[in-house]
Amino acid sequence: MMINHKYLPGGIDLFFCVALLPAMIALLPVERWLENNSTFVILLVGWLYAVYFLTRKVCVPMLFQSHRRQLVVLGILAVTLLVTWLITQYQLEYPFRGSHPRPERVKKMANLSKIRLHQQATWFLYLVTLCFSVAVGLLTELYRQMSVRQNIEFEKKKAELALYKAQINPHFLFNTLNTLYGLMLTQSEKAETAFMQFIHLVKYMYTRATEDRVSVEEEAEYIRRYIELQKNRMDESRTHVDYVYANDRSCPQAQIAPMLLVTFVENALKYGTSSHLESEIRISVGLKEGVLYFMAENQVVNPRPADKAPGIGISNCRKRLELLYPSAHSLEITETEGWYRVNLKINLLRYKNQ
């Protein structure tokens, strides 16, 4: 069972106030003290609670601030020591009990022994309370600083993801509009069909790309529509595109970040098609027991010029994967014997609630 660390310091405070401190006080002869010295007992107990919360809520947080605040803490500590010493000087009244009167000296020594007992008990309870409150205060401050760092890191990752998402849209629009422009120049009969396909893709992009997660089914359908749109500019007698989607339906709740895979598809269609060479492109998306398997491979028949800098698409995808699935994915990109291959595996269930 997971413990909510947010409530842990409060739970420790409650444990100290209702269990630990009363148990320590019960070890002392409180009942005898209360007979004639109830003011002392109330003063001592109230002071111990004051020391605990003063140290826990005020002093320990100030230790992590400026040097001037740290000097204030030393001053507060000195005041608590002084007040505790004053409490130990409280003169307790002990009624003499016995069948025969004792000599005056014996009575005085007995009372002196009892006075030393209440002084030792006061210092002991003060030191235990002080040490315990410092320990709890340090624990609370450590948790607070960890939470602040986590929040800062979360906001940083959120901002980075927003930037990468913002880069997706222009990249997609540029490639797709290029296709439509080419079809219109050639007055192709496919231009109208391609334009309708483009509308569906843009609708998905603006309704889903802003979400954190979409179903794998939706993302796979988006990839299929994108491939169908790009086929309009291909000579299908030379370029063969094979797209497969498989889902074992064992994890219908599995979701994926939107438009995460399409960059690899764009890459394969861009460098794997040619107007005069035969080529083959294979793309597959599979979901088995909550694990996504993506593969894209193409013959490199339209290589990127050597003097042209690499695009941001693949780099963008790598960074999104590292931010979204830091320990739940593996990505392998290889280029051998004229084939460019991408193999991606993501355990979607590990991050389904994030």
Protein backbone atom coordinates (compact mmCIF):
# COMPACT_ATOMS: atom_id res chain seq x y z
CA MET A 1 0.00 0.00 0.00
CA MET A 2 1.45 3.37 -1.06
CA ILE A 3 1.83 6.13 1.58
CA ASN A 4 0.88 9.64 0.55
CA HIS A 5 4.04 11.56 1.52
CA LYS A 6 2.07 14.81 1.46
CA TYR A 7 0.38 13.87 4.76
CA LEU A 8 3.39 12.18 6.37
CA PRO A 9 4.68 15.21 8.38
CA GLY A 10 1.17 15.88 9.70
CA GLY A 11 0.85 12.23 10.71
CA ILE A 12 4.15 12.41 12.60
CA ASP A 13 3.00 15.60 14.36
CA LEU A 14 -0.17 13.84 15.44
CA PHE A 15 1.80 10.80 16.64
CA PHE A 16 4.09 13.00 18.72
CA CYS A 17 1.27 15.07 20.25
CA VAL A 18 -1.16 12.27 21.17
CA ALA A 19 1.15 9.30 21.69
CA LEU A 20 4.89 9.87 22.14
CA LEU A 21 4.95 12.94 24.39
CA PRO A 22 2.08 11.77 26.66
CA ALA A 23 3.81 8.37 26.96
CA MET A 24 7.08 9.99 28.07
CA ILE A 25 5.28 12.24 30.55
CA ALA A 26 3.43 9.21 31.96
CA LEU A 27 6.79 7.71 32.99
CA LEU A 28 7.21 10.53 35.49
CA PRO A 29 5.39 10.83 38.84
CA VAL A 30 2.88 13.22 37.29
CA GLU A 31 0.03 12.12 39.55
CA ARG A 32 1.96 13.12 42.69
CA TRP A 33 2.99 16.42 41.08
CA LEU A 34 -0.59 17.23 40.18
CA GLU A 35 -1.69 17.01 43.82
CA ASN A 36 0.05 20.22 44.81
CA ASN A 37 1.78 21.45 41.64
CA SER A 38 -0.79 21.36 38.84
CA THR A 39 0.41 24.77 37.59
CA PHE A 40 3.91 23.37 37.00
CA VAL A 41 2.61 20.31 35.11
CA ILE A 42 0.35 22.41 32.84
CA LEU A 43 3.17 24.89 32.25
CA LEU A 44 5.65 22.12 31.40
CA VAL A 45 3.33 20.27 29.00
CA GLY A 46 2.26 23.48 27.27
CA TRP A 47 5.88 24.59 26.93
CA LEU A 48 6.94 21.24 25.39
CA TYR A 49 4.23 21.50 22.73
CA ALA A 50 5.27 25.11 22.08
CA VAL A 51 8.93 24.08 21.68
CA TYR A 52 7.96 21.31 19.27
CA PHE A 53 5.90 23.46 16.90
CA LEU A 54 8.16 26.52 17.23
CA THR A 55 11.17 24.43 16.19
CA ARG A 56 9.30 22.39 13.58
CA LYS A 57 7.39 25.22 11.88
CA VAL A 58 9.67 28.23 12.36
CA CYS A 59 13.27 27.37 13.21
CA VAL A 60 13.99 24.49 10.82
CA PRO A 61 12.60 26.25 7.69
CA MET A 62 14.65 29.34 8.59
CA LEU A 63 17.84 27.24 8.66
CA PHE A 64 17.56 26.91 4.86
CA GLN A 65 17.25 30.66 4.34
CA SER A 66 19.71 33.54 4.69
CA HIS A 67 22.50 33.74 7.26
CA ARG A 68 20.58 36.47 9.04
CA ARG A 69 17.64 34.11 9.50
CA GLN A 70 20.01 31.45 10.83
CA LEU A 71 21.19 33.90 13.50
CA VAL A 72 17.55 34.44 14.42
CA VAL A 73 17.22 30.68 14.88
CA LEU A 74 20.14 30.69 17.30
CA GLY A 75 18.45 33.51 19.20
CA ILE A 76 15.17 31.56 19.41
CA LEU A 77 17.04 28.47 20.59
CA ALA A 78 18.75 30.53 23.31
CA VAL A 79 15.35 31.87 24.45
CA THR A 80 13.91 28.32 24.67
CA LEU A 81 16.90 27.26 26.76
CA LEU A 82 16.35 30.22 29.08
CA VAL A 83 12.63 29.56 29.44
CA THR A 84 13.29 25.87 30.11
CA TRP A 85 15.82 26.80 32.81
CA LEU A 86 13.27 29.11 34.43
CA ILE A 87 10.72 26.28 34.45
CA THR A 88 13.23 24.02 36.21
CA GLN A 89 13.50 26.66 38.97
CA TYR A 90 9.85 26.23 39.83
CA GLN A 91 9.62 25.32 43.51
CA LEU A 92 7.50 22.23 43.88
CA GLU A 93 5.57 21.66 47.08
CA TYR A 94 5.88 18.18 48.58
CA PRO A 95 3.69 17.49 51.62
CA PHE A 96 5.55 15.50 54.23
CA ARG A 97 4.04 12.06 54.77
CA GLY A 98 4.97 9.68 57.55
CA SER A 99 3.83 8.42 60.94
CA HIS A 100 6.75 10.00 62.80
CA PRO A 101 8.31 13.35 62.14
CA ARG A 102 11.76 13.24 60.62
CA PRO A 103 14.64 15.45 61.56
CA GLU A 104 14.73 18.72 59.63
CA ARG A 105 17.88 17.76 57.71
CA VAL A 106 16.41 14.47 56.45
CA LYS A 107 13.28 16.27 55.28
CA LYS A 108 15.34 18.88 53.46
CA MET A 109 17.46 16.28 51.63
CA ALA A 110 14.35 14.33 50.55
CA ASN A 111 12.81 17.48 49.08
CA LEU A 112 16.13 18.34 47.38
CA SER A 113 16.16 14.90 45.73
CA LYS A 114 12.61 15.44 44.43
CA ILE A 115 13.56 18.90 43.12
CA ARG A 116 16.47 17.41 41.21
CA LEU A 117 14.11 14.81 39.75
CA HIS A 118 11.71 17.38 38.31
CA GLN A 119 14.63 19.44 36.95
CA GLN A 120 16.20 16.42 35.23
CA ALA A 121 12.82 15.35 33.87
CA THR A 122 12.20 18.85 32.45
CA TRP A 123 15.57 18.97 30.67
CA PHE A 124 15.13 15.41 29.38
CA LEU A 125 11.68 16.12 27.93
CA TYR A 126 12.91 19.40 26.45
CA LEU A 127 15.87 17.74 24.68
CA VAL A 128 13.76 14.85 23.35
CA THR A 129 11.12 17.28 22.08
CA LEU A 130 13.74 19.52 20.49
CA CYS A 131 15.56 16.64 18.73
CA PHE A 132 12.34 15.05 17.52
CA SER A 133 10.98 18.35 16.17
CA VAL A 134 14.28 19.07 14.38
CA ALA A 135 14.21 15.60 12.78
CA VAL A 136 10.58 16.02 11.63
CA GLY A 137 11.28 19.56 10.43
CA LEU A 138 14.26 18.41 8.37
CA LEU A 139 12.19 15.58 6.89
CA THR A 140 9.42 18.02 5.96
CA GLU A 141 11.84 20.53 4.46
CA LEU A 142 13.56 17.79 2.46
CA TYR A 143 10.23 16.63 1.07
CA ARG A 144 9.25 20.23 0.25
CA GLN A 145 12.46 20.88 -1.66
CA MET A 146 12.08 17.57 -3.54
CA SER A 147 8.51 18.55 -4.47
CA VAL A 148 9.67 21.98 -5.69
CA ARG A 149 12.40 20.40 -7.84
CA GLN A 150 9.94 17.86 -9.25
CA ASN A 151 7.44 20.60 -10.07
CA ILE A 152 10.15 22.66 -11.78
CA GLU A 153 11.27 19.61 -13.77
CA PHE A 154 7.66 18.80 -14.67
CA GLU A 155 7.01 22.33 -15.90
CA LYS A 156 10.26 22.26 -17.87
CA LYS A 157 9.30 18.98 -19.57
CA LYS A 158 5.80 20.30 -20.20
CA ALA A 159 7.24 23.39 -21.90
CA GLU A 160 9.63 21.26 -23.99
CA LEU A 161 6.79 18.98 -25.10
CA ALA A 162 4.69 21.99 -26.04
CA LEU A 163 7.59 23.24 -28.16
CA TYR A 164 8.01 19.88 -29.91
CA LYS A 165 4.26 19.68 -30.55
CA ALA A 166 4.36 23.17 -32.03
CA GLN A 167 7.12 22.02 -34.39
CA ILE A 168 5.04 19.05 -35.60
CA ASN A 169 2.29 21.10 -37.24
CA PRO A 170 4.44 23.20 -39.63
CA HIS A 171 6.48 20.11 -40.53
CA PHE A 172 3.34 18.13 -41.36
CA LEU A 173 1.66 20.98 -43.22
CA PHE A 174 4.74 21.70 -45.32
CA ASN A 175 5.07 18.08 -46.48
CA THR A 176 1.35 17.63 -47.13
CA LEU A 177 0.85 20.93 -48.93
CA ASN A 178 3.84 20.04 -51.09
CA THR A 179 1.98 16.93 -52.19
CA LEU A 180 -1.20 18.88 -52.97
CA TYR A 181 0.76 21.52 -54.87
CA GLY A 182 2.39 18.85 -57.03
CA LEU A 183 -0.96 17.28 -57.85
CA MET A 184 -2.47 20.63 -58.80
CA LEU A 185 0.47 21.47 -61.07
CA THR A 186 0.00 18.24 -63.00
CA GLN A 187 -3.78 18.74 -63.01
CA SER A 188 -4.11 15.25 -61.63
CA GLU A 189 -7.57 13.74 -61.17
CA LYS A 190 -6.42 12.74 -57.71
CA ALA A 191 -6.18 16.36 -56.54
CA GLU A 192 -9.80 16.53 -55.32
CA THR A 193 -9.53 13.21 -53.46
CA ALA A 194 -6.22 14.27 -51.96
CA PHE A 195 -7.71 17.57 -50.82
CA MET A 196 -10.55 15.76 -48.98
CA GLN A 197 -8.02 13.43 -47.36
CA PHE A 198 -5.99 16.46 -46.35
CA ILE A 199 -9.05 17.98 -44.63
CA HIS A 200 -9.53 14.81 -42.55
CA LEU A 201 -5.87 14.83 -41.52
CA VAL A 202 -5.92 18.50 -40.54
CA LYS A 203 -9.07 17.91 -38.50
CA TYR A 204 -7.35 15.10 -36.60
CA MET A 205 -4.24 17.20 -36.14
CA TYR A 206 -6.09 20.12 -34.56
CA THR A 207 -8.51 18.07 -32.45
CA ARG A 208 -6.09 15.40 -31.21
CA ALA A 209 -2.56 16.80 -31.38
CA THR A 210 -3.24 19.09 -28.41
CA GLU A 211 -4.25 16.14 -26.21
CA ASP A 212 -1.79 14.21 -24.07
CA ARG A 213 -2.95 10.75 -25.18
CA VAL A 214 -5.11 9.21 -27.91
CA SER A 215 -6.11 5.62 -28.53
CA VAL A 216 -3.73 3.49 -30.57
CA GLU A 217 -6.64 2.78 -32.92
CA GLU A 218 -7.02 6.48 -33.75
CA GLU A 219 -3.29 6.97 -34.29
CA ALA A 220 -3.10 3.91 -36.55
CA GLU A 221 -6.03 5.20 -38.60
CA TYR A 222 -4.37 8.60 -38.89
CA ILE A 223 -1.22 6.93 -40.27
CA ARG A 224 -3.29 4.96 -42.78
CA ARG A 225 -4.99 8.15 -44.01
CA TYR A 226 -1.64 9.91 -44.28
CA ILE A 227 -0.19 7.06 -46.36
CA GLU A 228 -3.24 7.10 -48.63
CA LEU A 229 -2.80 10.84 -49.16
CA GLN A 230 0.87 10.46 -50.03
CA LYS A 231 0.12 7.64 -52.46
CA ASN A 232 -1.58 10.22 -54.69
CA ARG A 233 1.82 11.60 -55.67
CA MET A 234 3.45 8.18 -56.18
CA ASP A 235 3.72 5.98 -59.19
CA GLU A 236 2.34 2.83 -57.57
CA SER A 237 3.74 0.70 -60.37
CA ARG A 238 7.22 1.60 -59.10
CA THR A 239 6.69 2.35 -55.41
CA HIS A 240 5.03 -0.35 -53.30
CA VAL A 241 3.81 0.67 -49.87
CA ASP A 242 2.72 -2.03 -47.45
CA TYR A 243 0.97 -0.90 -44.27
CA VAL A 244 -0.22 -3.33 -41.57
CA TYR A 245 -2.00 -2.65 -38.30
CA ALA A 246 -2.54 -5.44 -35.77
CA ASN A 247 -4.13 -5.27 -32.32
CA ASP A 248 -4.69 -8.24 -30.02
CA ARG A 249 -7.44 -6.23 -28.21
CA SER A 250 -6.14 -7.35 -24.82
CA CYS A 251 -5.56 -3.77 -23.63
CA PRO A 252 -8.23 -1.45 -25.02
CA GLN A 253 -7.17 1.19 -22.48
CA ALA A 254 -3.67 1.54 -23.97
CA GLN A 255 -3.04 5.04 -25.32
CA ILE A 256 -0.18 6.83 -27.05
CA ALA A 257 0.98 10.41 -27.50
CA PRO A 258 -0.61 11.79 -30.70
CA MET A 259 1.43 12.19 -33.89
CA LEU A 260 4.42 10.46 -32.37
CA LEU A 261 4.88 7.87 -35.13
CA VAL A 262 3.97 9.87 -38.20
CA THR A 263 7.42 11.48 -38.49
CA PHE A 264 8.98 8.07 -39.13
CA VAL A 265 6.28 7.42 -41.74
CA GLU A 266 6.96 10.78 -43.39
CA ASN A 267 10.64 9.96 -43.48
CA ALA A 268 10.08 6.57 -45.11
CA LEU A 269 7.76 8.02 -47.78
CA LYS A 270 10.08 10.94 -48.46
CA TYR A 271 13.33 9.00 -48.98
CA GLY A 272 11.81 5.72 -50.15
CA THR A 273 9.99 6.95 -53.27
CA SER A 274 11.33 7.72 -56.72
CA SER A 275 9.79 8.65 -60.08
CA HIS A 276 12.12 6.37 -62.03
CA LEU A 277 13.30 3.62 -59.63
CA GLU A 278 11.37 0.75 -58.13
CA SER A 279 11.22 0.74 -54.34
CA GLU A 280 9.45 -0.88 -51.46
CA ILE A 281 8.24 0.63 -48.21
CA ARG A 282 6.98 -1.45 -45.28
CA ILE A 283 5.22 0.10 -42.29
CA SER A 284 3.54 -1.75 -39.43
CA VAL A 285 1.90 -0.84 -36.14
CA GLY A 286 1.12 -3.56 -33.64
CA LEU A 287 -0.27 -3.64 -30.11
CA LYS A 288 0.23 -6.77 -28.04
CA GLU A 289 -0.51 -6.96 -24.30
CA GLY A 290 -0.12 -3.21 -23.91
CA VAL A 291 3.21 -3.01 -25.76
CA LEU A 292 3.34 -1.03 -29.00
CA TYR A 293 5.55 -2.32 -31.80
CA PHE A 294 6.27 0.05 -34.68
CA MET A 295 8.38 -0.72 -37.72
CA ALA A 296 9.15 1.38 -40.79
CA GLU A 297 11.66 0.34 -43.43
CA ASN A 298 12.34 1.67 -46.89
CA GLN A 299 14.85 1.37 -49.67
CA VAL A 300 16.84 4.59 -49.86
CA VAL A 301 16.17 5.60 -53.46
CA ASN A 302 15.89 9.33 -52.83
CA PRO A 303 18.75 10.07 -50.42
CA ARG A 304 19.23 13.38 -48.68
CA PRO A 305 21.96 15.50 -50.34
CA ALA A 306 25.24 15.39 -48.45
CA ASP A 307 25.37 19.19 -48.12
CA LYS A 308 21.85 19.39 -46.66
CA ALA A 309 21.52 19.47 -42.88
CA PRO A 310 19.33 16.78 -41.26
CA GLY A 311 15.75 17.81 -40.52
CA ILE A 312 14.29 18.26 -37.06
CA GLY A 313 11.70 15.47 -37.39
CA ILE A 314 13.65 12.46 -36.09
CA SER A 315 15.46 14.52 -33.45
CA ASN A 316 12.09 15.86 -32.31
CA CYS A 317 10.70 12.33 -31.99
CA ARG A 318 13.70 11.14 -29.98
CA LYS A 319 13.26 13.98 -27.49
CA ARG A 320 9.51 13.41 -27.17
CA LEU A 321 10.11 9.72 -26.50
CA GLU A 322 12.72 10.52 -23.84
CA LEU A 323 10.34 12.93 -22.12
CA LEU A 324 7.17 10.85 -22.41
CA TYR A 325 8.52 7.31 -21.98
CA PRO A 326 11.95 7.71 -20.35
CA SER A 327 12.31 4.10 -19.21
CA ALA A 328 9.61 2.38 -21.21
CA HIS A 329 10.77 2.55 -24.81
CA SER A 330 13.52 1.38 -27.11
CA LEU A 331 14.30 2.95 -30.49
CA GLU A 332 16.65 1.49 -33.07
CA ILE A 333 17.42 3.28 -36.35
CA THR A 334 19.78 1.59 -38.77
CA GLU A 335 20.80 1.97 -42.40
CA THR A 336 22.36 -1.10 -44.04
CA GLU A 337 22.58 -2.36 -47.61
CA GLY A 338 20.44 0.46 -48.96
CA TRP A 339 17.63 -0.06 -46.42
CA TYR A 340 16.67 2.45 -43.74
CA ARG A 341 14.96 0.77 -40.77
CA VAL A 342 13.19 2.09 -37.69
CA ASN A 343 12.13 -0.25 -34.88
CA LEU A 344 10.31 1.26 -31.94
CA LYS A 345 8.91 -0.50 -28.89
CA ILE A 346 6.89 1.28 -26.17
CA ASN A 347 5.35 -0.18 -23.02
CA LEU A 348 2.20 1.94 -22.99
CA LEU A 349 0.75 0.47 -19.80
CA ARG A 350 3.65 1.70 -17.68
CA TYR A 351 2.64 5.29 -18.38
CA LYS A 352 -1.09 4.90 -18.93
CA ASN A 353 -1.98 7.06 -15.92
CA GLN A 354 0.49 9.86 -16.60
